[in-house]
C-alpha atoms as a PDB file:
ATOM      1  CA  MET A   1       0.000   0.000   0.000  1.00  0.00           C
ATOM      2  CA  THR A   2       1.278   3.439  -0.679  1.00  0.00           C
ATOM      3  CA  SER A   3       1.549   5.804   2.184  1.00  0.00           C
ATOM      4  CA  PRO A   4       0.330   9.357   2.433  1.00  0.00           C
ATOM      5  CA  GLU A   5       3.477  10.102   4.424  1.00  0.00           C
ATOM      6  CA  THR A   6       6.540  11.384   2.635  1.00  0.00           C
ATOM      7  CA  VAL A   7       9.860   9.565   2.670  1.00  0.00           C
ATOM      8  CA  ALA A   8      11.166  12.247   5.057  1.00  0.00           C
ATOM      9  CA  ASP A   9       8.235  11.719   7.449  1.00  0.00           C
ATOM     10  CA  VAL A  10       8.804   7.960   7.496  1.00  0.00           C
ATOM     11  CA  ASP A  11      12.546   8.497   7.982  1.00  0.00           C
ATOM     12  CA  ASP A  12      11.865  10.784  10.949  1.00  0.00           C
ATOM     13  CA  ASP A  13       9.458   8.265  12.487  1.00  0.00           C
ATOM     14  CA  VAL A  14      11.831   5.322  11.980  1.00  0.00           C
ATOM     15  CA  ALA A  15      14.754   7.310  13.385  1.00  0.00           C
ATOM     16  CA  ALA A  16      12.688   8.091  16.503  1.00  0.00           C
ATOM     17  CA  LEU A  17      11.686   4.432  16.935  1.00  0.00           C
ATOM     18  CA  LEU A  18      15.300   3.331  16.624  1.00  0.00           C
ATOM     19  CA  ARG A  19      16.503   5.986  19.106  1.00  0.00           C
ATOM     20  CA  ARG A  20      13.940   4.738  21.645  1.00  0.00           C
ATOM     21  CA  ALA A  21      15.332   1.224  21.108  1.00  0.00           C
ATOM     22  CA  GLY A  22      18.894   2.461  21.621  1.00  0.00           C
ATOM     23  CA  GLN A  23      19.780   2.048  17.948  1.00  0.00           C
ATOM     24  CA  ARG A  24      20.956   4.373  15.174  1.00  0.00           C
ATOM     25  CA  TYR A  25      19.329   4.977  11.799  1.00  0.00           C
ATOM     26  CA  THR A  26      22.260   3.885   9.650  1.00  0.00           C
ATOM     27  CA  GLY A  27      22.539   4.208   5.892  1.00  0.00           C
ATOM     28  CA  GLY A  28      21.841   0.501   5.430  1.00  0.00           C
ATOM     29  CA  ARG A  29      18.703   0.663   7.546  1.00  0.00           C
ATOM     30  CA  ARG A  30      17.586   3.756   5.632  1.00  0.00           C
ATOM     31  CA  ARG A  31      18.010   1.890   2.310  1.00  0.00           C
ATOM     32  CA  ILE A  32      16.007  -1.075   3.642  1.00  0.00           C
ATOM     33  CA  VAL A  33      13.210   1.267   4.757  1.00  0.00           C
ATOM     34  CA  GLU A  34      13.253   2.927   1.336  1.00  0.00           C
ATOM     35  CA  ALA A  35      12.987  -0.472  -0.379  1.00  0.00           C
ATOM     36  CA  LEU A  36      10.024  -1.387   1.819  1.00  0.00           C
ATOM     37  CA  GLN A  37       8.376   1.984   1.261  1.00  0.00           C
ATOM     38  CA  THR A  38       8.626   1.782  -2.529  1.00  0.00           C
ATOM     39  CA  GLY A  39       8.285  -1.999  -2.934  1.00  0.00           C
ATOM     40  CA  GLY A  40       4.563  -2.063  -3.618  1.00  0.00           C
ATOM     41  CA  GLY A  41       3.787  -4.615  -0.903  1.00  0.00           C
ATOM     42  CA  PRO A  42       5.498  -6.958   1.525  1.00  0.00           C
ATOM     43  CA  LEU A  43       8.950  -7.997   0.288  1.00  0.00           C
ATOM     44  CA  THR A  44      11.161 -11.013   0.794  1.00  0.00           C
ATOM     45  CA  ILE A  45      14.794 -10.530   1.721  1.00  0.00           C
ATOM     46  CA  THR A  46      15.703 -11.508  -1.837  1.00  0.00           C
ATOM     47  CA  GLN A  47      13.413  -8.784  -3.203  1.00  0.00           C
ATOM     48  CA  ILE A  48      14.942  -6.227  -0.838  1.00  0.00           C
ATOM     49  CA  LEU A  49      18.420  -7.208  -2.030  1.00  0.00           C
ATOM     50  CA  GLU A  50      17.291  -6.878  -5.661  1.00  0.00           C
ATOM     51  CA  THR A  51      16.242  -3.259  -5.053  1.00  0.00           C
ATOM     52  CA  ASP A  52      19.668  -2.230  -3.752  1.00  0.00           C
ATOM     53  CA  SER A  53      22.743  -4.179  -4.818  1.00  0.00           C
ATOM     54  CA  SER A  54      24.893  -2.355  -2.243  1.00  0.00           C
ATOM     55  CA  LEU A  55      23.130  -4.177   0.610  1.00  0.00           C
ATOM     56  CA  ALA A  56      24.764  -7.332   1.982  1.00  0.00           C
ATOM     57  CA  GLN A  57      22.445 -10.245   2.733  1.00  0.00           C
ATOM     58  CA  SER A  58      23.775 -10.727   6.283  1.00  0.00           C
ATOM     59  CA  SER A  59      23.334  -7.015   6.933  1.00  0.00           C
ATOM     60  CA  VAL A  60      19.738  -7.090   5.676  1.00  0.00           C
ATOM     61  CA  TYR A  61      18.878 -10.011   7.994  1.00  0.00           C
ATOM     62  CA  ARG A  62      20.449  -8.264  10.994  1.00  0.00           C
ATOM     63  CA  ASN A  63      18.953  -4.852  10.226  1.00  0.00           C
ATOM     64  CA  LEU A  64      15.466  -6.214   9.558  1.00  0.00           C
ATOM     65  CA  SER A  65      15.596  -7.866  12.977  1.00  0.00           C
ATOM     66  CA  ILE A  66      16.584  -4.561  14.608  1.00  0.00           C
ATOM     67  CA  LEU A  67      13.922  -2.630  12.664  1.00  0.00           C
ATOM     68  CA  GLU A  68      11.314  -5.219  13.667  1.00  0.00           C
ATOM     69  CA  GLU A  69      12.310  -5.056  17.349  1.00  0.00           C
ATOM     70  CA  ALA A  70      12.097  -1.244  17.217  1.00  0.00           C
ATOM     71  CA  GLY A  71       8.554  -1.448  15.807  1.00  0.00           C
ATOM     72  CA  ALA A  72       9.354  -0.026  12.372  1.00  0.00           C
ATOM     73  CA  VAL A  73       8.942  -3.248  10.376  1.00  0.00           C
ATOM     74  CA  THR A  74       6.426  -6.083  10.503  1.00  0.00           C
ATOM     75  CA  ARG A  75       7.309  -9.630   9.489  1.00  0.00           C
ATOM     76  CA  ILE A  76       4.626 -11.655   7.717  1.00  0.00           C
ATOM     77  CA  VAL A  77       5.237 -15.389   7.827  1.00  0.00           C
ATOM     78  CA  THR A  78       3.731 -17.352   4.965  1.00  0.00           C
ATOM     79  CA  ARG A  79       3.952 -21.004   3.987  1.00  0.00           C
ATOM     80  CA  ASP A  80       6.932 -22.991   5.216  1.00  0.00           C
ATOM     81  CA  ASP A  81       7.899 -20.118   7.546  1.00  0.00           C
ATOM     82  CA  PHE A  82       8.846 -18.043   4.505  1.00  0.00           C
ATOM     83  CA  ALA A  83       8.821 -14.396   5.579  1.00  0.00           C
ATOM     84  CA  ARG A  84       8.081 -11.102   3.918  1.00  0.00           C
ATOM     85  CA  TYR A  85       8.602  -7.688   5.449  1.00  0.00           C
ATOM     86  CA  GLU A  86       6.781  -4.381   5.305  1.00  0.00           C
ATOM     87  CA  LEU A  87       6.820  -1.089   7.143  1.00  0.00           C
ATOM     88  CA  ALA A  88       4.727  -1.189  10.301  1.00  0.00           C
ATOM     89  CA  GLU A  89       1.148  -0.061   9.810  1.00  0.00           C
ATOM     90  CA  HIS A  90       1.520   3.027  12.000  1.00  0.00           C
ATOM     91  CA  LEU A  91       4.081   4.283   9.438  1.00  0.00           C
ATOM     92  CA  THR A  92       1.857   3.639   6.426  1.00  0.00           C
ATOM     93  CA  GLU A  93      -1.863   2.904   6.582  1.00  0.00           C
ATOM     94  CA  HIS A  94      -4.168   0.208   7.909  1.00  0.00           C
ATOM     95  CA  HIS A  95      -4.524  -2.722   5.532  1.00  0.00           C
ATOM     96  CA  HIS A  96      -4.872  -6.493   5.378  1.00  0.00           C
ATOM     97  CA  HIS A  97      -3.159  -9.327   3.494  1.00  0.00           C
ATOM     98  CA  LEU A  98      -4.030 -12.003   0.961  1.00  0.00           C
ATOM     99  CA  ILE A  99      -1.561 -14.858   1.523  1.00  0.00           C
ATOM    100  CA  CYS A 100      -1.260 -17.578  -1.086  1.00  0.00           C
ATOM    101  CA  SER A 101      -0.845 -21.027   0.427  1.00  0.00           C
ATOM    102  CA  GLY A 102       0.570 -22.248  -2.875  1.00  0.00           C
ATOM    103  CA  CYS A 103       3.443 -19.888  -3.656  1.00  0.00           C
ATOM    104  CA  GLY A 104       3.619 -17.763  -0.490  1.00  0.00           C
ATOM    105  CA  ASP A 105       2.867 -14.506  -2.307  1.00  0.00           C
ATOM    106  CA  VAL A 106       1.423 -11.727  -0.134  1.00  0.00           C
ATOM    107  CA  ALA A 107      -0.775  -8.930  -1.487  1.00  0.00           C
ATOM    108  CA  ASP A 108      -2.141  -5.984   0.453  1.00  0.00           C
ATOM    109  CA  PHE A 109      -5.797  -4.979   0.391  1.00  0.00           C
ATOM    110  CA  ALA A 110      -7.924  -2.442   2.234  1.00  0.00           C
ATOM    111  CA  LEU A 111     -11.580  -2.473   3.178  1.00  0.00           C
ATOM    112  CA  THR A 112     -13.972   0.412   2.763  1.00  0.00           C
ATOM    113  CA  GLU A 113     -14.322   2.653   5.806  1.00  0.00           C
ATOM    114  CA  SER A 114     -17.781   1.258   6.558  1.00  0.00           C
ATOM    115  CA  ALA A 115     -16.612  -2.362   6.279  1.00  0.00           C
ATOM    116  CA  GLU A 116     -13.585  -1.586   8.462  1.00  0.00           C
ATOM    117  CA  ALA A 117     -15.830   0.048  11.095  1.00  0.00           C
ATOM    118  CA  ALA A 118     -18.187  -2.946  11.095  1.00  0.00           C
ATOM    119  CA  LEU A 119     -15.255  -5.356  11.390  1.00  0.00           C
ATOM    120  CA  ASP A 120     -13.746  -3.329  14.246  1.00  0.00           C
ATOM    121  CA  ALA A 121     -17.066  -3.318  16.101  1.00  0.00           C
ATOM    122  CA  GLU A 122     -17.526  -7.080  15.708  1.00  0.00           C
ATOM    123  CA  LEU A 123     -13.950  -7.816  16.756  1.00  0.00           C
ATOM    124  CA  ALA A 124     -14.297  -5.515  19.780  1.00  0.00           C
ATOM    125  CA  ARG A 125     -17.447  -7.418  20.833  1.00  0.00           C
ATOM    126  CA  ALA A 126     -15.649 -10.764  20.457  1.00  0.00           C
ATOM    127  CA  ALA A 127     -12.682  -9.466  22.449  1.00  0.00           C
ATOM    128  CA  GLU A 128     -14.944  -8.122  25.201  1.00  0.00           C
ATOM    129  CA  ARG A 129     -16.762 -11.473  25.491  1.00  0.00           C
ATOM    130  CA  ALA A 130     -13.369 -13.126  25.965  1.00  0.00           C
ATOM    131  CA  GLY A 131     -12.234 -10.545  28.529  1.00  0.00           C
ATOM    132  CA  PHE A 132      -9.588  -9.338  26.088  1.00  0.00           C
ATOM    133  CA  SER A 133      -8.533  -5.740  25.631  1.00  0.00           C
ATOM    134  CA  MET A 134      -8.171  -5.213  21.875  1.00  0.00           C
ATOM    135  CA  GLU A 135      -5.736  -2.595  20.592  1.00  0.00           C
ATOM    136  CA  THR A 136      -6.010  -3.169  16.838  1.00  0.00           C
ATOM    137  CA  HIS A 137      -6.449  -6.021  14.407  1.00  0.00           C
ATOM    138  CA  ARG A 138      -4.650  -7.684  11.525  1.00  0.00           C
ATOM    139  CA  LEU A 139      -6.518  -9.744   9.003  1.00  0.00           C
ATOM    140  CA  ASP A 140      -4.780 -12.276   6.792  1.00  0.00           C
ATOM    141  CA  LEU A 141      -6.837 -14.157   4.223  1.00  0.00           C
ATOM    142  CA  LEU A 142      -5.284 -17.513   3.339  1.00  0.00           C
ATOM    143  CA  GLY A 143      -6.027 -19.113   0.003  1.00  0.00           C
ATOM    144  CA  THR A 144      -4.725 -19.489  -3.514  1.00  0.00           C
ATOM    145  CA  CYS A 145      -3.654 -16.627  -5.757  1.00  0.00           C
ATOM    146  CA  GLY A 146      -4.714 -16.329  -9.399  1.00  0.00           C
ATOM    147  CA  SER A 147      -1.324 -17.522 -10.675  1.00  0.00           C
ATOM    148  CA  CYS A 148      -1.520 -20.730  -8.630  1.00  0.00           C
ATOM    149  CA  THR A 149      -5.206 -21.283  -9.429  1.00  0.00           C
ATOM    150  CA  ASN A 150      -4.669 -20.747 -13.167  1.00  0.00           C
ATOM    151  CA  PRO A 151      -0.989 -21.503 -13.882  1.00  0.00           C
ATOM    152  CA  ASN A 152      -1.516 -21.145 -17.656  1.00  0.00           C
ATOM    153  CA  ARG A 153      -2.504 -17.482 -17.341  1.00  0.00           C
END
């Protein structure tokens, strides 16, 4: 999903998150954030590396872990524990995921405001019945993407 925030706004927010975690916003971390911001959806480590050939694979693994711990990046685990990464929702916008159980592809989607409000209300009722204090929700739809359903497309 594209974000209404500018690259500078996201950089400022990520830098603040990292400072709170006792970390610095290094050039490598900045390039990873840029790849995630412009990637058009959740990216694998391989896809991140393809966007910036100056990044080392070991550095990307380490920096994604630090960015995730700081709350700047969210990891989405798909089939066979295969992971994709995206900027945390509070840095972009609220959305959900379509996760293909065949190939592991992840696509973002958003609901209309009215559907999102109805979903929030229903989830809040379910949480209250369970004695749970809900902060937010994430919705992942699991199924088969068009490429896996119709491989001859």
